[in-house]
Protein backbone atom coordinates (compact mmCIF):
# COMPACT_ATOMS: atom_id res chain seq x y z
CA UNK A 1 97.64 113.62 97.26
CA UNK A 2 100.29 111.95 95.12
CA UNK A 3 99.79 108.30 94.25
CA UNK A 4 101.48 105.40 92.59
CA UNK A 5 100.24 104.74 89.06
CA UNK A 6 96.64 103.56 89.03
CA UNK A 7 96.15 99.89 88.14
CA UNK A 8 92.94 98.54 86.61
CA UNK A 9 91.84 94.94 86.14
CA UNK A 10 88.80 94.61 83.81
CA UNK A 11 88.02 91.21 85.40
CA UNK A 12 86.69 89.68 82.20
CA UNK A 13 89.00 86.83 83.15
CA UNK A 14 91.09 85.80 86.14
CA UNK A 15 93.95 88.33 86.60
CA UNK A 16 97.45 87.02 86.04
CA UNK A 17 98.88 85.62 89.26
CA UNK A 18 95.50 85.56 91.01
CA UNK A 19 94.52 82.59 93.18
CA UNK A 20 91.19 81.30 94.47
CA UNK A 21 90.87 80.53 98.17
CA UNK A 22 87.76 78.54 99.09
CA UNK A 23 86.00 79.83 95.97
CA UNK A 24 85.54 79.02 92.30
CA UNK A 25 86.26 81.85 89.83
CA UNK A 26 85.41 81.84 86.13
CA UNK A 27 84.53 84.27 83.33
CA UNK A 28 80.84 85.13 83.26
CA UNK A 29 78.26 87.75 82.32
CA UNK A 30 75.72 89.68 84.36
CA UNK A 31 73.44 92.49 83.28
CA UNK A 32 74.90 92.29 79.79
CA UNK A 33 78.44 92.88 81.04
CA UNK A 34 81.46 90.57 81.03
CA UNK A 35 82.64 89.90 84.56
CA UNK A 36 84.44 87.49 86.85
CA UNK A 37 81.95 85.13 88.47
CA UNK A 38 82.91 83.98 91.99
CA UNK A 39 81.13 81.58 94.36
CA UNK A 40 82.02 79.27 97.23
CA UNK A 41 83.24 75.78 96.43
CA UNK A 42 80.77 72.98 97.17
CA UNK A 43 82.97 71.73 100.02
CA UNK A 44 83.13 75.14 101.71
CA UNK A 45 79.40 75.84 101.19
CA UNK A 46 78.61 72.53 102.89
CA UNK A 47 80.72 73.47 105.92
CA UNK A 48 80.01 75.33 109.14
CA UNK A 49 79.25 78.98 109.85
CA UNK A 50 82.22 80.72 111.48
CA UNK A 51 84.59 77.95 110.39
CA UNK A 52 84.28 77.56 106.62
CA UNK A 53 82.19 80.62 105.75
CA UNK A 54 80.77 83.68 107.51
CA UNK A 55 83.51 86.37 107.48
CA UNK A 56 86.19 83.85 106.61
CA UNK A 57 88.97 83.96 103.94
CA UNK A 58 86.70 83.18 100.98
CA UNK A 59 87.93 85.20 98.02
CA UNK A 60 89.98 85.50 94.87
CA UNK A 61 93.42 86.80 95.86
CA UNK A 62 94.66 89.49 93.47
CA UNK A 63 98.42 90.12 93.85
CA UNK A 64 98.99 93.80 94.57
CA UNK A 65 101.04 96.10 96.76
CA UNK A 66 98.45 98.13 98.60
CA UNK A 67 98.50 99.72 102.05
CA UNK A 68 96.56 103.00 101.86
CA UNK A 69 94.72 104.67 99.03
CA UNK A 70 91.55 103.83 97.12
CA UNK A 71 90.06 100.58 95.82
CA UNK A 72 87.07 100.60 93.47
CA UNK A 73 85.11 97.79 91.86
CA UNK A 74 81.73 97.08 90.30
CA UNK A 75 79.92 94.21 92.02
CA UNK A 76 76.67 92.31 91.63
CA UNK A 77 75.29 89.79 94.11
CA UNK A 78 72.64 87.14 93.46
CA UNK A 79 71.30 84.43 95.72
CA UNK A 80 72.06 80.88 94.63
CA UNK A 81 69.10 78.48 94.18
CA UNK A 82 70.14 76.61 97.34
CA UNK A 83 70.96 79.71 99.42
CA UNK A 84 70.30 79.27 103.17
CA UNK A 85 68.00 81.67 105.03
CA UNK A 86 70.99 83.65 106.31
CA UNK A 87 72.23 84.47 102.79
CA UNK A 88 72.11 88.14 101.76
CA UNK A 89 74.00 88.22 98.45
CA UNK A 90 77.33 88.88 100.18
CA UNK A 91 79.88 90.51 97.85
CA UNK A 92 82.75 92.93 98.40
CA UNK A 93 86.44 93.60 98.83
CA UNK A 94 89.20 92.35 101.09
CA UNK A 95 92.51 94.19 101.49
CA UNK A 96 95.74 94.06 103.50
CA UNK A 97 95.89 90.31 102.80
CA UNK A 98 99.00 88.76 104.30
CA UNK A 99 100.16 85.17 104.80
CA UNK A 100 98.09 84.02 101.84
CA UNK A 101 94.92 85.51 103.30
CA UNK A 102 95.28 84.36 106.91
CA UNK A 103 95.00 88.03 107.96
CA UNK A 104 93.03 90.75 106.19
CA UNK A 105 90.37 93.43 106.45
CA UNK A 106 87.18 93.59 104.41
CA UNK A 107 84.25 95.75 103.41
CA UNK A 108 81.38 93.85 101.85
CA UNK A 109 77.76 94.39 100.88
CA UNK A 110 74.55 92.59 101.81
CA UNK A 111 72.30 93.60 98.86
CA UNK A 112 69.30 91.75 100.30
CA UNK A 113 69.51 94.13 103.27
CA UNK A 114 69.59 97.24 101.07
CA UNK A 115 66.75 99.74 101.30
CA UNK A 116 65.62 98.77 97.78
CA UNK A 117 64.68 95.35 99.18
CA UNK A 118 62.69 96.89 102.07
CA UNK A 119 64.01 94.39 104.67
CA UNK A 120 62.70 94.30 108.25
CA UNK A 121 64.58 95.90 111.14
CA UNK A 122 67.41 95.48 112.10
CA UNK A 123 68.41 94.14 108.68
CA UNK A 124 67.65 97.52 107.11
CA UNK A 125 70.68 98.91 108.97
CA UNK A 126 73.02 96.10 107.88
CA UNK A 127 73.62 96.51 104.15
CA UNK A 128 77.37 97.23 104.35
CA UNK A 129 79.87 95.69 106.77
CA UNK A 130 83.49 96.12 107.86
CA UNK A 131 85.39 93.29 109.56
CA UNK A 132 88.97 92.24 110.29
CA UNK A 133 90.01 88.59 110.11
CA UNK A 134 90.65 86.59 112.18
CA UNK A 135 89.82 88.47 115.39
CA UNK A 136 86.87 90.70 114.49
CA UNK A 137 84.13 89.02 112.40
CA UNK A 138 80.68 90.60 112.15
CA UNK A 139 79.14 88.72 115.09
CA UNK A 140 81.86 89.79 117.54
CA UNK A 141 81.68 93.39 116.30
CA UNK A 142 77.90 93.39 116.89
CA UNK A 143 78.32 91.94 120.37
CA UNK A 144 81.05 94.32 121.51
CA UNK A 145 79.66 97.38 119.70
CA UNK A 146 75.83 97.15 119.82
CA UNK A 147 75.61 100.69 118.40
CA UNK A 148 76.31 99.15 114.99
CA UNK A 149 79.29 101.35 114.16
CA UNK A 150 80.83 98.73 111.85
CA UNK A 151 77.81 98.31 109.56
CA UNK A 152 75.23 100.60 108.03
CA UNK A 153 72.29 101.01 105.67
CA UNK A 154 72.76 101.46 101.91
CA UNK A 155 70.47 102.07 98.96
CA UNK A 156 71.26 98.84 97.10
CA UNK A 157 69.53 95.63 96.04
CA UNK A 158 70.10 92.15 94.68
CA UNK A 159 70.91 91.43 91.03
CA UNK A 160 72.06 94.96 90.19
CA UNK A 161 75.46 96.42 89.45
CA UNK A 162 76.81 98.47 92.36
CA UNK A 163 79.95 100.60 92.37
CA UNK A 164 81.84 100.02 95.63
CA UNK A 165 84.65 102.38 96.62
CA UNK A 166 86.80 101.96 99.73
CA UNK A 167 89.15 104.77 100.78
CA UNK A 168 91.76 103.33 103.15
CA UNK A 169 93.66 105.67 105.48
CA UNK A 170 96.08 104.66 108.25
CA UNK A 171 93.40 104.90 110.97
CA UNK A 172 90.12 105.14 109.08
CA UNK A 173 88.17 103.72 106.14
CA UNK A 174 85.38 105.33 104.17
CA UNK A 175 83.15 103.13 102.01
CA UNK A 176 80.85 104.50 99.33
CA UNK A 177 78.23 102.83 97.13
CA UNK A 178 77.28 104.41 93.81
CA UNK A 179 79.03 107.62 94.84
CA UNK A 180 77.31 107.98 98.22
CA UNK A 181 79.21 107.51 101.50
CA UNK A 182 77.61 104.57 103.30
CA UNK A 183 80.06 103.67 106.09
CA UNK A 184 82.88 105.46 107.91
CA UNK A 185 84.98 103.44 110.35
CA UNK A 186 87.13 105.57 112.62
CA UNK A 187 88.46 102.71 114.73
CA UNK A 188 89.85 100.02 112.46
CA UNK A 189 90.62 96.63 113.94
CA UNK A 190 93.99 95.83 112.35
CA UNK A 191 97.32 97.47 111.72
CA UNK A 192 97.52 98.75 108.14
CA UNK A 193 100.09 96.71 106.24
CA UNK A 194 101.03 96.36 102.60
CA UNK A 195 99.34 93.32 101.16
CA UNK A 196 97.23 91.80 98.42
CA UNK A 197 93.58 92.39 97.57
CA UNK A 198 90.66 89.98 97.57
CA UNK A 199 87.35 89.68 95.71
CA UNK A 200 85.18 88.55 98.62
CA UNK A 201 82.08 86.37 98.47
CA UNK A 202 80.18 84.45 101.13
CA UNK A 203 77.53 81.76 101.59
CA UNK A 204 74.58 81.45 99.23
CA UNK A 205 75.92 84.05 96.81
CA UNK A 206 76.61 84.06 93.09
CA UNK A 207 78.87 87.14 92.82
CA UNK A 208 80.14 89.08 89.83
CA UNK A 209 83.05 91.54 89.72
CA UNK A 210 84.16 94.01 87.03
CA UNK A 211 86.58 96.93 86.67
CA UNK A 212 88.76 96.61 89.76
CA UNK A 213 90.83 99.78 90.11
CA UNK A 214 93.61 100.28 92.66
CA UNK A 215 94.99 103.75 93.43
CA UNK A 216 97.65 103.35 96.16
CA UNK A 217 99.04 106.34 98.03
CA UNK A 218 102.65 107.34 97.63
CA UNK A 219 104.57 106.03 100.70
CA UNK A 220 106.49 108.58 102.80
CA UNK A 221 109.99 109.40 101.54
CA UNK A 222 112.50 106.80 102.71
CA UNK A 223 109.89 104.21 103.69
CA UNK A 224 109.81 100.70 102.31
CA UNK A 225 106.99 98.23 101.92
CA UNK A 226 106.52 94.82 100.38
CA UNK A 227 103.63 92.89 98.97
CA UNK A 228 102.41 89.82 100.80
CA UNK A 229 102.91 87.94 97.56
CA UNK A 230 106.66 88.60 97.48
């Protein structure tokens, strides 16, 4: 498959043109590696579930032109000292961001639900999650699809570097952790559009990101697309 030139952001600092939405982003280190540290602002963390956090637009927006192709990043999630009981070390990717992040899709990890943490059921089947904002957050997906098709188990844990890869096709996404396929979604909940990317974090999480790589597909001959940042 032909692609546009691959673009890599080391994330040892905030990428040029990037913007923080409901989060604080700053250079940091984790596991001996330089990384971008991202966490919710105090105001957002003090807010309400489903309004300020909990599958909401809480991320660093990285300007990019991406519709289909592959996104890869190394992530590490830790719990903050004041993390609420519902915190799971949420960390992941958002994509197809348009209107400054008012619409997007996301795949994120819950390291505290990974098999390495030996969580109780049903948490042991909820280590990786797909959602589409604003209409399809995790709780609605669970209610409408009790078979759990939008989340799955993964062999991950807190406070460790994890390689997350998301292959985005027009009608399907495949998410892999450390080279192993963990989630396949064959019924996505949004129209694929060209847009920006996001480094996603949620409540009670101190997240670290490194080595973001974007490999967009070549658009069909004669087609046009534009970044949401244009």
